[in-house]
Protein backbone atom coordinates (compact mmCIF):
# COMPACT_ATOMS: atom_id res chain seq x y z
CA MET A 1 153.99 44.54 276.28
CA ALA A 2 151.65 47.01 274.74
CA LYS A 3 153.33 50.09 273.41
CA GLU A 4 150.19 51.99 272.28
CA ALA A 5 146.95 53.28 273.85
CA VAL A 6 143.47 54.17 272.58
CA VAL A 7 142.21 56.55 275.30
CA LEU A 8 138.24 57.18 274.74
CA LEU A 9 137.35 60.60 276.34
CA ASN A 10 133.39 62.09 277.47
CA MET A 11 131.97 64.66 279.78
CA GLY A 12 130.85 61.92 282.21
CA GLY A 13 128.10 61.89 284.91
CA PRO A 14 127.57 60.99 288.73
CA ASN A 15 128.31 57.33 289.27
CA ASN A 16 125.98 57.93 292.82
CA LEU A 17 123.70 60.96 294.09
CA ASP A 18 127.06 62.12 296.05
CA GLU A 19 128.95 62.50 293.02
CA VAL A 20 126.18 65.01 291.50
CA GLU A 21 127.51 67.88 292.89
CA LEU A 22 131.10 67.07 292.12
CA PHE A 23 130.10 66.94 288.85
CA LEU A 24 128.27 70.12 288.91
CA LYS A 25 131.15 71.48 290.64
CA ASN A 26 133.96 70.69 287.93
CA MET A 27 131.97 71.56 284.89
CA PHE A 28 130.86 74.96 286.01
CA ASN A 29 134.60 75.51 286.73
CA ASP A 30 135.68 75.24 283.04
CA LYS A 31 136.76 77.58 281.41
CA ASN A 32 135.07 76.05 278.34
CA ILE A 33 131.78 75.94 279.43
CA LEU A 34 131.33 79.25 281.59
CA THR A 35 133.74 81.24 279.14
CA MET A 36 134.66 84.42 281.19
CA LYS A 37 138.13 85.56 281.64
CA SER A 38 138.06 86.31 285.32
CA ASP A 39 138.86 82.92 287.56
CA LEU A 40 137.24 84.66 290.69
CA LEU A 41 133.82 85.44 288.41
CA ARG A 42 133.29 81.79 287.38
CA LYS A 43 134.30 80.34 290.54
CA MET A 44 131.04 82.95 292.01
CA VAL A 45 128.67 82.12 289.04
CA GLY A 46 129.65 78.59 288.65
CA GLY A 47 129.23 78.17 292.92
CA LEU A 48 125.66 80.21 292.43
CA ILE A 49 124.64 77.89 289.74
CA VAL A 50 125.85 74.71 292.00
CA PHE A 51 123.65 75.74 294.80
CA ASN A 52 120.96 76.32 292.83
CA ARG A 53 120.94 73.14 290.56
CA THR A 54 122.32 70.42 292.62
CA GLU A 55 119.28 69.54 294.20
CA SER A 56 117.13 69.22 291.07
CA SER A 57 120.03 67.90 289.71
CA GLN A 58 120.01 65.02 292.25
CA GLU A 59 116.40 64.12 291.28
CA ILE A 60 116.94 63.64 287.58
CA TYR A 61 119.82 60.74 288.52
CA ARG A 62 117.19 59.66 291.32
CA GLN A 63 114.48 58.80 288.56
CA LEU A 64 117.73 57.56 286.44
CA GLY A 65 118.32 54.69 289.43
CA GLY A 66 120.62 57.11 291.06
CA LYS A 67 123.31 57.38 288.65
CA SER A 68 124.30 58.42 285.23
CA PRO A 69 124.01 55.45 282.73
CA ILE A 70 127.11 56.88 280.70
CA VAL A 71 129.87 55.04 283.25
CA GLY A 72 127.94 51.84 282.64
CA HIS A 73 127.69 51.83 278.71
CA THR A 74 131.44 53.17 278.03
CA GLN A 75 132.37 50.42 280.50
CA ASN A 76 131.19 47.97 277.94
CA LEU A 77 132.10 49.81 274.78
CA VAL A 78 135.99 50.00 276.42
CA LYS A 79 135.57 45.82 276.82
CA LYS A 80 134.27 45.58 272.95
CA LEU A 81 137.28 47.99 271.78
CA GLN A 82 140.05 46.25 273.89
CA LYS A 83 138.58 42.50 272.29
CA LYS A 84 138.67 44.03 269.06
CA LEU A 85 142.15 45.16 269.14
CA GLY A 86 143.69 43.02 270.88
CA ASP A 87 146.01 42.45 273.73
CA GLU A 88 149.01 45.04 272.09
CA VAL A 89 146.56 47.73 272.35
CA ILE A 90 145.38 49.40 275.99
CA VAL A 91 142.53 50.99 276.05
CA GLU A 92 141.23 53.12 278.96
CA PHE A 93 138.23 55.84 278.99
CA VAL A 94 138.69 58.90 280.64
CA MET A 95 135.63 61.18 281.91
CA ARG A 96 135.92 64.90 282.21
CA TYR A 97 133.52 65.86 285.65
CA THR A 98 133.71 62.28 287.25
CA PRO A 99 136.32 59.84 287.97
CA PRO A 100 137.73 58.57 285.79
CA PHE A 101 140.09 61.46 286.05
CA VAL A 102 142.92 61.72 283.74
CA PRO A 103 145.57 61.50 286.66
CA GLU A 104 144.26 58.05 287.57
CA VAL A 105 144.55 56.71 283.99
CA ILE A 106 148.01 58.01 283.46
CA GLN A 107 149.49 56.94 285.69
CA LYS A 108 148.36 53.16 284.21
CA LEU A 109 149.98 54.26 280.91
CA ASN A 110 153.09 55.63 282.57
CA LYS A 111 153.11 52.69 284.51
CA ALA A 112 152.63 50.53 281.29
CA ASN A 113 155.39 52.05 279.36
CA VAL A 114 153.17 53.24 275.93
CA GLU A 115 154.49 54.73 273.76
CA LYS A 116 151.99 56.31 271.73
CA ILE A 117 148.50 57.49 272.82
CA TYR A 118 145.62 57.82 270.73
CA LEU A 119 142.95 60.40 271.95
CA ILE A 120 139.27 60.01 271.15
CA PRO A 121 136.65 62.26 272.30
CA LEU A 122 133.43 60.48 272.03
CA TYR A 123 132.05 63.98 270.67
CA PRO A 124 130.87 63.63 267.09
CA GLN A 125 130.89 67.07 266.26
CA GLN A 126 133.74 69.79 267.13
CA SER A 127 133.29 72.04 270.17
CA SER A 128 135.47 74.21 272.31
CA THR A 129 132.30 73.09 275.05
CA THR A 130 133.32 69.47 274.62
CA THR A 131 136.10 68.49 272.27
CA LYS A 132 138.97 71.35 273.35
CA SER A 133 137.81 70.85 277.29
CA SER A 134 138.21 67.55 277.15
CA LEU A 135 141.82 67.15 275.16
CA GLU A 136 143.04 69.97 277.00
CA ASP A 137 142.89 68.17 280.36
CA PHE A 138 144.31 65.30 279.23
CA GLU A 139 147.39 66.69 277.82
CA GLU A 140 148.09 69.50 280.46
CA HIS A 141 148.12 66.48 283.03
CA TYR A 142 150.00 64.46 280.96
CA HIS A 143 153.02 67.24 279.97
CA ASP A 144 152.39 67.59 284.36
CA SER A 145 153.44 63.71 284.70
CA GLU A 146 156.67 61.66 283.91
CA GLY A 147 154.85 60.30 280.61
CA ASN A 148 156.98 60.51 277.27
CA ALA A 149 154.29 58.80 274.76
CA VAL A 150 153.42 60.81 271.56
CA LEU A 151 149.94 61.90 271.83
CA VAL A 152 147.68 62.05 268.85
CA GLU A 153 144.15 63.14 269.12
CA ILE A 154 141.06 63.29 266.31
CA LYS A 155 138.57 66.42 267.19
CA HIS A 156 135.65 64.88 265.48
CA PHE A 157 134.58 61.84 262.82
CA PHE A 158 130.57 62.58 262.29
CA ASP A 159 131.90 62.16 258.78
CA ASN A 160 132.75 58.11 259.43
CA LYS A 161 130.48 55.79 257.54
CA THR A 162 130.33 53.30 259.68
CA TYR A 163 129.47 55.62 262.84
CA ASN A 164 126.80 56.93 261.08
CA LYS A 165 126.00 53.32 259.48
CA SER A 166 125.37 53.05 263.44
CA ILE A 167 123.07 55.90 263.49
CA LEU A 168 120.80 54.28 260.90
CA GLU A 169 120.93 51.48 262.79
CA SER A 170 119.53 53.01 265.95
CA ILE A 171 116.98 54.43 264.20
CA GLN A 172 116.09 51.51 262.02
CA GLU A 173 115.11 49.17 265.57
CA LYS A 174 113.37 52.33 266.84
CA ILE A 175 111.03 52.38 263.49
CA ALA A 176 110.43 48.67 264.13
CA ASP A 177 107.31 47.48 262.27
CA ALA A 178 106.07 51.15 261.01
CA GLU A 179 106.05 52.76 258.28
CA TYR A 180 108.49 55.74 257.98
CA ARG A 181 106.12 58.25 256.09
CA ASP A 182 104.04 57.79 259.27
CA PHE A 183 106.66 59.64 261.09
CA ASP A 184 108.91 62.68 260.84
CA LEU A 185 112.39 62.53 262.21
CA ILE A 186 114.25 65.06 264.43
CA PHE A 187 117.98 64.83 264.52
CA SER A 188 118.21 66.91 268.02
CA ALA A 189 121.09 68.19 268.97
CA HIS A 190 122.46 69.46 272.27
CA GLY A 191 122.62 73.01 272.43
CA LEU A 192 124.94 76.04 272.92
CA PRO A 193 124.96 79.82 273.55
CA GLN A 194 124.44 81.64 270.45
CA LYS A 195 128.04 84.28 271.49
CA ILE A 196 129.80 80.66 271.60
CA VAL A 197 129.40 80.29 268.08
CA ASP A 198 129.47 83.36 267.07
CA SER A 199 133.19 83.51 268.53
CA GLY A 200 134.03 81.06 266.52
CA ASP A 201 133.07 77.75 267.54
CA VAL A 202 132.80 75.60 264.39
CA TYR A 203 129.71 73.13 266.52
CA GLN A 204 127.00 74.10 264.16
CA LYS A 205 128.78 73.78 261.32
CA HIS A 206 129.16 70.37 262.06
CA ILE A 207 126.17 69.62 263.55
CA GLU A 208 124.80 70.96 260.29
CA LYS A 209 127.20 69.14 257.74
CA HIS A 210 126.42 65.68 259.82
CA VAL A 211 122.84 65.96 259.18
CA GLU A 212 123.13 66.85 255.34
CA ILE A 213 125.44 63.29 255.18
CA LEU A 214 122.68 61.54 257.39
CA LYS A 215 119.49 62.77 254.86
CA LYS A 216 121.66 61.49 252.03
CA ASN A 217 122.25 58.41 253.90
CA LEU A 218 118.72 57.87 255.05
CA ASP A 219 118.06 58.49 250.62
CA ASP A 220 120.13 56.05 249.98
CA ALA A 221 118.57 53.12 252.65
CA LYS A 222 115.04 54.40 251.39
CA MET A 223 114.13 55.11 254.94
CA ASP A 224 111.74 57.87 253.63
CA PHE A 225 110.13 59.79 256.70
CA HIS A 226 107.56 62.33 256.40
CA GLN A 227 110.10 65.02 256.61
CA VAL A 228 113.42 65.37 258.72
CA HIS A 229 114.58 67.83 260.86
CA LEU A 230 117.07 69.19 263.24
CA ALA A 231 116.96 71.21 266.86
CA TYR A 232 118.64 71.94 269.61
CA GLN A 233 117.75 70.77 272.96
CA SER A 234 118.89 71.87 276.76
CA LYS A 235 118.87 75.52 276.90
CA VAL A 236 119.51 77.00 280.23
CA GLY A 237 119.32 80.56 281.14
CA PRO A 238 117.93 83.79 279.72
CA MET A 239 120.71 84.07 277.09
CA GLU A 240 120.49 83.00 273.41
CA TRP A 241 120.57 79.75 272.05
CA LEU A 242 120.92 77.95 269.00
CA LYS A 243 117.73 77.33 267.05
CA PRO A 244 115.27 76.17 266.55
CA SER A 245 114.71 74.47 270.11
CA LEU A 246 113.40 71.19 270.26
CA GLU A 247 110.14 72.06 272.26
CA ASP A 248 109.03 74.74 269.04
CA LYS A 249 109.99 72.24 266.79
CA LEU A 250 107.51 69.17 268.55
CA LYS A 251 105.18 72.06 268.01
CA LEU A 252 105.49 72.27 263.98
CA VAL A 253 105.03 68.48 263.93
CA ARG A 254 102.41 68.05 266.55
CA ASN A 255 99.99 66.36 264.40
CA ARG A 256 102.08 63.45 263.03
CA GLY A 257 104.50 60.31 264.91
CA VAL A 258 107.88 61.37 265.68
CA ILE A 259 111.08 60.07 265.80
CA LEU A 260 113.80 61.73 267.81
CA PHE A 261 117.99 60.80 267.66
CA PRO A 262 119.76 62.45 269.79
CA LEU A 263 122.83 63.84 267.23
CA ALA A 264 125.43 64.78 269.72
CA PHE A 265 126.31 61.97 272.04
CA THR A 266 127.57 58.42 270.89
CA ILE A 267 126.88 57.29 274.71
CA ASP A 268 123.23 57.84 276.66
CA ASN A 269 123.06 59.65 279.56
CA SER A 270 120.77 62.28 281.26
CA GLU A 271 119.96 64.40 278.26
CA THR A 272 118.97 61.32 276.40
CA ASP A 273 117.55 58.90 278.94
CA PHE A 274 115.89 61.80 281.25
CA GLU A 275 115.25 64.90 279.17
CA LEU A 276 114.03 63.24 275.88
CA GLU A 277 112.57 60.04 277.16
CA ILE A 278 110.83 61.88 280.16
CA GLU A 279 110.63 65.98 280.28
CA TYR A 280 110.17 65.88 276.22
CA ARG A 281 107.85 62.97 275.97
CA GLU A 282 105.50 65.18 278.38
CA ILE A 283 105.63 67.76 276.07
CA ALA A 284 104.69 65.65 273.04
CA GLU A 285 101.87 64.09 274.94
CA LYS A 286 100.40 67.26 275.51
CA LEU A 287 100.78 68.22 272.13
CA GLY A 288 99.07 65.27 270.90
CA PHE A 289 101.11 63.11 269.30
CA LYS A 290 99.76 59.69 268.14
CA GLU A 291 103.88 58.08 268.53
CA TYR A 292 106.92 59.78 270.73
CA ARG A 293 109.71 57.70 270.23
CA VAL A 294 113.49 57.78 271.33
CA CYS A 295 116.61 56.44 269.49
CA ARG A 296 119.63 54.94 271.57
CA CYS A 297 122.70 55.98 271.22
CA PRO A 298 125.09 54.16 269.45
CA ASN A 299 126.60 52.81 273.18
CA ASP A 300 128.39 49.54 272.81
CA SER A 301 126.81 48.49 269.66
CA SER A 302 129.08 46.13 266.54
CA LEU A 303 128.76 48.97 264.48
CA PHE A 304 130.16 52.05 266.52
CA VAL A 305 132.87 49.67 267.64
CA ASP A 306 134.09 48.88 263.79
CA ALA A 307 134.15 52.75 264.06
CA LEU A 308 136.25 53.28 266.67
CA CYS A 309 138.72 50.63 265.44
CA GLU A 310 138.61 52.37 261.98
CA ILE A 311 138.85 55.99 263.70
CA TYR A 312 142.18 54.52 265.18
CA GLU A 313 143.43 53.08 262.33
CA LYS A 314 143.42 56.33 260.41
CA MET A 315 145.03 57.71 263.26
CA LYS A 316 148.26 55.76 262.72
């Protein structure tokens, strides 16, 4: 019987339109997302956000076929990773805000009597809003269960060479037979409120370090884009967020072709398939871009599977 388990952690996404409200409720009840100290205030503010956003969010997922693509991609990734690691390791995945939730997966692992659980958040860069939230969620539920396995965790992997090869592979696929010099490349990272970064969150530092690594890798691979940029997407609300915004960055390179790579995600979701592919494409067309291309996330690519195997082996 398997004595070890690898559990991939991610934020999740609605499996159907009825789950959209559940997704939003769980997200905005997360103390790492709405950081006010008062649970009552968080509940009130979160409830107002959910009320205002449910219908528009349902329309987004309706345009994506009635659900988020994140679960399907993750299921494919788990199958390939399970095949790669073999029967002696159990591979599972957990979502933070939609099924499968932590208690369900813990029940499976406890039933299998695993002795060690390797937790791998599928966020390349560490943040309290993603990595910390997912790890805390698993650990709190596990310690309340009857399991006695050792938990081993990793908090970031943006410097993994094989993972970064999977990023370059995705970019190469999107460039097709065009010339690199005809395009600017924008690494688009999910934004964060500036106050979260100012409070000590390392996310921005990790993003910037990751971009520097990738710039060197691009140079080594002779992928000589006209220019390489970093921008932040997904800003909501009136507060200050990380800059530059993706919309502002697009305005600076509007006379050329542009390729976007979603730097903060390993699995495609509504922020890539809707926000980048549809919303920002409309902005780019209005700005007069000749070419606007969006790279796929690593998803279940062979290189990303290999990277996860390396991460697991390094954690042992």
